[in-house]
Amino acid sequence: MITKEQLKKYANNLMFDMEDSEYETLSKEFQTLLKQMDLIGNIKDIESLEPMTFPFEKENVTLREDGTVNNISIEDALSNCDSVKNREIKVPKVVD
């Protein structure tokens, strides 16, 4: 069971907050998800099944050829960034 306090802690770690009513709604949704996970976990011999990567049979699937168009230099790409370190964009930490 996930409590409202746990949800508030997780939200704080992700640096956002919600109204109390939103926490109540999220808590109910998590309870539904946990029930569904329990149902899936109770399927006989589920661990012997191979996970599906796509829900439908794939026949005659061809992918387009990738190519590059209108490339810009790294320097041009980084020219509008506020903080650059070692030719990489430096962003603020958002998760503990």
N, C-alpha and C. Protein backbone atom coordinates (compact mmCIF):
# COMPACT_ATOMS: atom_id res chain seq x y z
N MET A 1 0.85 -1.18 0.00
CA MET A 1 0.00 0.00 0.00
C MET A 1 0.89 1.24 0.00
N ILE A 2 0.58 2.16 -0.85
CA ILE A 2 1.33 3.40 -0.95
C ILE A 2 0.54 4.49 -0.24
N THR A 3 1.18 5.13 0.71
CA THR A 3 0.50 6.15 1.49
C THR A 3 0.65 7.53 0.85
N LYS A 4 -0.19 8.44 1.28
CA LYS A 4 -0.14 9.82 0.81
C LYS A 4 1.21 10.45 1.17
N GLU A 5 1.73 10.10 2.34
CA GLU A 5 3.02 10.64 2.78
C GLU A 5 4.16 10.16 1.87
N GLN A 6 4.11 8.90 1.47
CA GLN A 6 5.12 8.38 0.54
C GLN A 6 5.05 9.11 -0.79
N LEU A 7 3.84 9.34 -1.28
CA LEU A 7 3.68 10.05 -2.54
C LEU A 7 4.22 11.47 -2.43
N LYS A 8 3.98 12.12 -1.29
CA LYS A 8 4.51 13.47 -1.09
C LYS A 8 6.03 13.45 -1.07
N LYS A 9 6.61 12.42 -0.45
CA LYS A 9 8.07 12.30 -0.40
C LYS A 9 8.62 12.11 -1.81
N TYR A 10 8.00 11.23 -2.59
CA TYR A 10 8.46 10.99 -3.97
C TYR A 10 8.32 12.27 -4.80
N ALA A 11 7.21 12.97 -4.64
CA ALA A 11 7.00 14.22 -5.38
C ALA A 11 8.06 15.24 -4.99
N ASN A 12 8.38 15.31 -3.71
CA ASN A 12 9.42 16.23 -3.24
C ASN A 12 10.77 15.87 -3.84
N ASN A 13 11.08 14.57 -3.92
CA ASN A 13 12.34 14.14 -4.52
C ASN A 13 12.41 14.52 -6.00
N LEU A 14 11.26 14.56 -6.66
CA LEU A 14 11.20 14.93 -8.07
C LEU A 14 10.98 16.43 -8.26
N MET A 15 10.99 17.15 -7.14
CA MET A 15 10.88 18.62 -7.12
C MET A 15 9.57 19.13 -7.71
N PHE A 16 8.46 18.50 -7.31
CA PHE A 16 7.16 19.06 -7.65
C PHE A 16 6.18 18.76 -6.54
N ASP A 17 5.08 19.46 -6.53
CA ASP A 17 4.07 19.30 -5.49
C ASP A 17 2.70 19.30 -6.14
N MET A 18 1.74 18.74 -5.43
CA MET A 18 0.38 18.69 -5.94
C MET A 18 -0.58 19.09 -4.83
N GLU A 19 -1.83 19.32 -5.19
CA GLU A 19 -2.89 19.59 -4.21
C GLU A 19 -3.20 18.29 -3.48
N ASP A 20 -3.76 18.39 -2.28
CA ASP A 20 -4.11 17.20 -1.50
C ASP A 20 -5.07 16.29 -2.26
N SER A 21 -6.02 16.88 -2.97
CA SER A 21 -6.99 16.07 -3.72
C SER A 21 -6.29 15.26 -4.82
N GLU A 22 -5.22 15.83 -5.40
CA GLU A 22 -4.48 15.12 -6.44
C GLU A 22 -3.71 13.94 -5.85
N TYR A 23 -3.21 14.10 -4.63
CA TYR A 23 -2.54 12.98 -3.96
C TYR A 23 -3.52 11.85 -3.68
N GLU A 24 -4.74 12.22 -3.31
CA GLU A 24 -5.78 11.21 -3.05
C GLU A 24 -6.08 10.43 -4.34
N THR A 25 -6.23 11.15 -5.43
CA THR A 25 -6.50 10.51 -6.73
C THR A 25 -5.35 9.61 -7.13
N LEU A 26 -4.13 10.10 -6.99
CA LEU A 26 -2.94 9.32 -7.34
C LEU A 26 -2.84 8.07 -6.48
N SER A 27 -3.15 8.19 -5.21
CA SER A 27 -3.11 7.04 -4.30
C SER A 27 -4.11 5.97 -4.74
N LYS A 28 -5.31 6.37 -5.14
CA LYS A 28 -6.31 5.42 -5.62
C LYS A 28 -5.84 4.73 -6.90
N GLU A 29 -5.22 5.51 -7.78
CA GLU A 29 -4.72 4.94 -9.03
C GLU A 29 -3.60 3.94 -8.76
N PHE A 30 -2.72 4.24 -7.80
CA PHE A 30 -1.66 3.30 -7.45
C PHE A 30 -2.24 2.02 -6.88
N GLN A 31 -3.30 2.12 -6.07
CA GLN A 31 -3.93 0.93 -5.51
C GLN A 31 -4.48 0.04 -6.63
N THR A 32 -5.07 0.66 -7.64
CA THR A 32 -5.58 -0.09 -8.79
C THR A 32 -4.43 -0.79 -9.52
N LEU A 33 -3.34 -0.06 -9.73
CA LEU A 33 -2.17 -0.66 -10.40
C LEU A 33 -1.61 -1.83 -9.60
N LEU A 34 -1.53 -1.67 -8.29
CA LEU A 34 -0.99 -2.75 -7.46
C LEU A 34 -1.89 -3.99 -7.52
N LYS A 35 -3.20 -3.80 -7.54
CA LYS A 35 -4.13 -4.94 -7.67
C LYS A 35 -3.92 -5.64 -9.01
N GLN A 36 -3.74 -4.85 -10.07
CA GLN A 36 -3.52 -5.44 -11.39
C GLN A 36 -2.20 -6.21 -11.42
N MET A 37 -1.18 -5.68 -10.79
CA MET A 37 0.11 -6.37 -10.75
C MET A 37 -0.01 -7.69 -9.97
N ASP A 38 -0.79 -7.68 -8.90
CA ASP A 38 -1.02 -8.92 -8.15
C ASP A 38 -1.72 -9.96 -9.03
N LEU A 39 -2.71 -9.52 -9.81
CA LEU A 39 -3.41 -10.45 -10.71
C LEU A 39 -2.45 -11.05 -11.73
N ILE A 40 -1.61 -10.20 -12.30
CA ILE A 40 -0.63 -10.69 -13.28
C ILE A 40 0.36 -11.64 -12.61
N GLY A 41 0.79 -11.31 -11.41
CA GLY A 41 1.73 -12.16 -10.69
C GLY A 41 1.17 -13.52 -10.33
N ASN A 42 -0.15 -13.64 -10.26
CA ASN A 42 -0.79 -14.90 -9.90
C ASN A 42 -1.07 -15.80 -11.10
N ILE A 43 -0.73 -15.37 -12.30
CA ILE A 43 -0.93 -16.21 -13.48
C ILE A 43 0.03 -17.39 -13.41
N LYS A 44 -0.51 -18.58 -13.58
CA LYS A 44 0.27 -19.80 -13.45
C LYS A 44 1.38 -19.85 -14.50
N ASP A 45 2.59 -20.16 -14.08
CA ASP A 45 3.77 -20.33 -14.94
C ASP A 45 4.11 -19.08 -15.76
N ILE A 46 3.79 -17.92 -15.26
CA ILE A 46 4.07 -16.70 -16.02
C ILE A 46 5.56 -16.47 -16.21
N GLU A 47 6.36 -16.93 -15.26
CA GLU A 47 7.81 -16.71 -15.38
C GLU A 47 8.44 -17.52 -16.51
N SER A 48 7.71 -18.53 -17.01
CA SER A 48 8.23 -19.33 -18.12
C SER A 48 7.94 -18.70 -19.49
N LEU A 49 7.13 -17.65 -19.52
CA LEU A 49 6.79 -17.00 -20.77
C LEU A 49 7.84 -15.98 -21.17
N GLU A 50 8.06 -15.85 -22.45
CA GLU A 50 9.01 -14.86 -22.95
C GLU A 50 8.28 -13.54 -23.15
N PRO A 51 8.84 -12.43 -22.68
CA PRO A 51 8.17 -11.13 -22.84
C PRO A 51 7.99 -10.78 -24.31
N MET A 52 6.90 -10.09 -24.60
CA MET A 52 6.63 -9.65 -25.97
C MET A 52 7.26 -8.27 -26.17
N THR A 53 7.89 -8.07 -27.30
CA THR A 53 8.43 -6.76 -27.60
C THR A 53 7.45 -5.96 -28.44
N PHE A 54 6.48 -6.64 -29.05
CA PHE A 54 5.47 -5.98 -29.87
C PHE A 54 4.20 -6.82 -29.78
N PRO A 55 3.03 -6.21 -29.60
CA PRO A 55 1.82 -7.00 -29.35
C PRO A 55 1.21 -7.68 -30.57
N PHE A 56 1.73 -7.44 -31.76
CA PHE A 56 1.17 -8.04 -32.97
C PHE A 56 2.26 -8.78 -33.74
N GLU A 57 1.83 -9.74 -34.56
CA GLU A 57 2.77 -10.43 -35.43
C GLU A 57 3.34 -9.44 -36.43
N LYS A 58 4.63 -9.52 -36.64
CA LYS A 58 5.26 -8.61 -37.59
C LYS A 58 5.64 -9.40 -38.84
N GLU A 59 5.07 -9.01 -39.97
CA GLU A 59 5.38 -9.65 -41.24
C GLU A 59 5.74 -8.58 -42.26
N ASN A 60 6.77 -8.85 -43.02
CA ASN A 60 7.19 -7.95 -44.09
C ASN A 60 7.40 -6.51 -43.60
N VAL A 61 8.06 -6.39 -42.48
CA VAL A 61 8.34 -5.08 -41.93
C VAL A 61 9.67 -4.58 -42.49
N THR A 62 9.63 -3.44 -43.11
CA THR A 62 10.86 -2.84 -43.60
C THR A 62 11.00 -1.47 -42.98
N LEU A 63 12.19 -1.15 -42.61
CA LEU A 63 12.46 0.14 -42.00
C LEU A 63 13.09 1.06 -43.03
N ARG A 64 12.85 2.32 -42.88
CA ARG A 64 13.45 3.27 -43.80
C ARG A 64 14.94 3.38 -43.53
N GLU A 65 15.65 3.80 -44.50
CA GLU A 65 17.09 4.01 -44.36
C GLU A 65 17.30 5.34 -43.62
N ASP A 66 18.07 5.31 -42.55
CA ASP A 66 18.37 6.53 -41.82
C ASP A 66 19.45 7.32 -42.54
N GLY A 67 19.32 8.61 -42.47
CA GLY A 67 20.32 9.48 -43.07
C GLY A 67 20.33 10.80 -42.33
N THR A 68 21.35 11.58 -42.55
CA THR A 68 21.45 12.87 -41.89
C THR A 68 21.10 13.98 -42.89
N VAL A 69 20.44 15.00 -42.36
CA VAL A 69 20.03 16.13 -43.18
C VAL A 69 20.28 17.40 -42.38
N ASN A 70 20.86 18.40 -43.02
CA ASN A 70 21.05 19.70 -42.41
C ASN A 70 21.75 19.63 -41.04
N ASN A 71 22.89 19.01 -40.99
CA ASN A 71 23.64 18.94 -39.75
C ASN A 71 24.19 20.30 -39.38
N ILE A 72 24.26 20.57 -38.07
CA ILE A 72 24.93 21.78 -37.60
C ILE A 72 26.10 21.35 -36.73
N SER A 73 27.03 22.23 -36.57
CA SER A 73 28.21 21.89 -35.76
C SER A 73 27.84 21.85 -34.28
N ILE A 74 28.64 21.16 -33.50
CA ILE A 74 28.43 21.10 -32.06
C ILE A 74 28.49 22.50 -31.47
N GLU A 75 29.42 23.31 -31.95
CA GLU A 75 29.56 24.66 -31.43
C GLU A 75 28.28 25.47 -31.67
N ASP A 76 27.70 25.34 -32.86
CA ASP A 76 26.44 26.04 -33.14
C ASP A 76 25.32 25.53 -32.25
N ALA A 77 25.27 24.23 -32.03
CA ALA A 77 24.23 23.64 -31.19
C ALA A 77 24.35 24.12 -29.75
N LEU A 78 25.57 24.30 -29.27
CA LEU A 78 25.80 24.71 -27.88
C LEU A 78 25.81 26.23 -27.70
N SER A 79 25.73 26.98 -28.78
CA SER A 79 25.88 28.44 -28.69
C SER A 79 24.76 29.11 -27.88
N ASN A 80 23.59 28.53 -27.80
CA ASN A 80 22.48 29.14 -27.04
C ASN A 80 22.32 28.55 -25.64
N CYS A 81 23.21 27.66 -25.23
CA CYS A 81 23.11 27.03 -23.92
C CYS A 81 23.66 27.95 -22.84
N ASP A 82 23.00 27.95 -21.68
CA ASP A 82 23.46 28.76 -20.57
C ASP A 82 24.73 28.21 -19.93
N SER A 83 24.82 26.88 -19.84
CA SER A 83 25.96 26.28 -19.15
C SER A 83 26.47 25.09 -19.96
N VAL A 84 27.73 25.15 -20.36
CA VAL A 84 28.35 24.08 -21.15
C VAL A 84 29.62 23.65 -20.44
N LYS A 85 29.83 22.34 -20.36
CA LYS A 85 31.04 21.80 -19.75
C LYS A 85 31.50 20.63 -20.60
N ASN A 86 32.75 20.67 -21.06
CA ASN A 86 33.32 19.61 -21.89
C ASN A 86 32.46 19.31 -23.12
N ARG A 87 31.99 20.37 -23.76
CA ARG A 87 31.16 20.25 -24.96
C ARG A 87 29.85 19.51 -24.71
N GLU A 88 29.35 19.59 -23.48
CA GLU A 88 28.08 19.00 -23.10
C GLU A 88 27.24 20.04 -22.39
N ILE A 89 25.92 19.93 -22.53
CA ILE A 89 25.02 20.86 -21.86
C ILE A 89 24.91 20.47 -20.39
N LYS A 90 25.16 21.41 -19.51
CA LYS A 90 25.05 21.16 -18.08
C LYS A 90 23.66 21.61 -17.63
N VAL A 91 22.89 20.70 -17.04
CA VAL A 91 21.53 20.98 -16.60
C VAL A 91 21.44 20.79 -15.09
N PRO A 92 20.48 21.45 -14.44
CA PRO A 92 20.35 21.28 -12.99
C PRO A 92 19.86 19.88 -12.63
N LYS A 93 20.30 19.40 -11.50
CA LYS A 93 19.88 18.09 -11.00
C LYS A 93 18.42 18.17 -10.61
N VAL A 94 17.60 17.20 -11.06
CA VAL A 94 16.18 17.24 -10.76
C VAL A 94 15.70 16.05 -9.93
N VAL A 95 16.56 15.05 -9.72
CA VAL A 95 16.17 13.88 -8.94
C VAL A 95 17.28 13.55 -7.96
N ASP A 96 16.90 13.21 -6.72
CA ASP A 96 17.90 12.78 -5.73
C ASP A 96 18.44 11.43 -6.08
